[in-house]
Amino acid sequence: MKYGFFRNYKPVLDNEPFRVFEKMEDYRGWADENLPRCLGYKLVENKILKEIGKQEE
């Protein structure tokens, strides 16, 4: 295997050749609802950010 690269199937992302969104916010919402967490596309909830801020104070 030259260079050691291989194709890795990514669920949902590889099912369509492309997707078009009007705004980045639309894409982020779609990604949060549809993509598996293992791909790293989940939004951080404001609740969690507030808790982290309280712990640092």
Protein backbone atom coordinates (compact mmCIF):
# COMPACT_ATOMS: atom_id res chain seq x y z
CA MET A 1 0.00 0.00 0.00
CA LYS A 2 1.75 3.14 -1.21
CA TYR A 3 1.77 6.05 1.31
CA GLY A 4 -0.56 4.18 3.68
CA PHE A 5 -3.77 6.04 2.71
CA PHE A 6 -7.11 4.29 2.60
CA ARG A 7 -10.69 5.39 2.08
CA ASN A 8 -12.72 5.42 5.28
CA TYR A 9 -16.52 5.49 4.97
CA LYS A 10 -18.10 8.34 6.93
CA PRO A 11 -21.79 7.70 7.68
CA VAL A 12 -24.20 10.35 6.36
CA LEU A 13 -21.39 12.50 4.86
CA ASP A 14 -20.58 9.95 2.15
CA ASN A 15 -24.22 9.20 1.27
CA GLU A 16 -24.58 12.22 -1.05
CA PRO A 17 -22.01 13.76 -3.44
CA PHE A 18 -22.59 17.26 -1.97
CA ARG A 19 -25.01 19.39 0.06
CA VAL A 20 -25.81 23.09 -0.20
CA PHE A 21 -26.83 25.34 2.70
CA GLU A 22 -27.90 28.99 2.64
CA LYS A 23 -26.07 29.89 5.85
CA MET A 24 -23.38 28.37 8.03
CA GLU A 25 -25.97 28.27 10.83
CA ASP A 26 -28.13 25.97 8.65
CA TYR A 27 -25.18 23.64 8.09
CA ARG A 28 -24.30 23.55 11.78
CA GLY A 29 -27.91 22.71 12.70
CA TRP A 30 -28.05 19.94 10.09
CA ALA A 31 -24.71 18.53 11.21
CA ASP A 32 -25.74 18.59 14.87
CA GLU A 33 -28.97 16.71 14.14
CA ASN A 34 -27.72 14.21 11.55
CA LEU A 35 -24.04 13.41 11.95
CA PRO A 36 -22.77 10.82 14.42
CA ARG A 37 -20.86 12.16 17.40
CA CYS A 38 -17.78 10.12 16.43
CA LEU A 39 -17.22 12.50 13.49
CA GLY A 40 -16.92 15.46 15.85
CA TYR A 41 -19.73 17.63 14.50
CA LYS A 42 -21.80 18.18 17.65
CA LEU A 43 -22.54 21.67 18.94
CA VAL A 44 -21.60 22.48 22.51
CA GLU A 45 -24.63 23.50 24.54
CA ASN A 46 -24.57 26.89 26.25
CA LYS A 47 -25.46 25.14 29.54
CA ILE A 48 -22.19 23.26 29.48
CA LEU A 49 -20.21 26.39 28.66
CA LYS A 50 -21.82 28.24 31.57
CA GLU A 51 -20.95 25.39 33.97
CA ILE A 52 -17.34 25.41 32.80
CA GLY A 53 -17.20 29.18 33.34
CA LYS A 54 -18.51 28.82 36.90
CA GLN A 55 -15.92 26.14 37.72
CA GLU A 56 -13.06 28.37 36.53
CA GLU A 57 -14.12 31.30 38.76
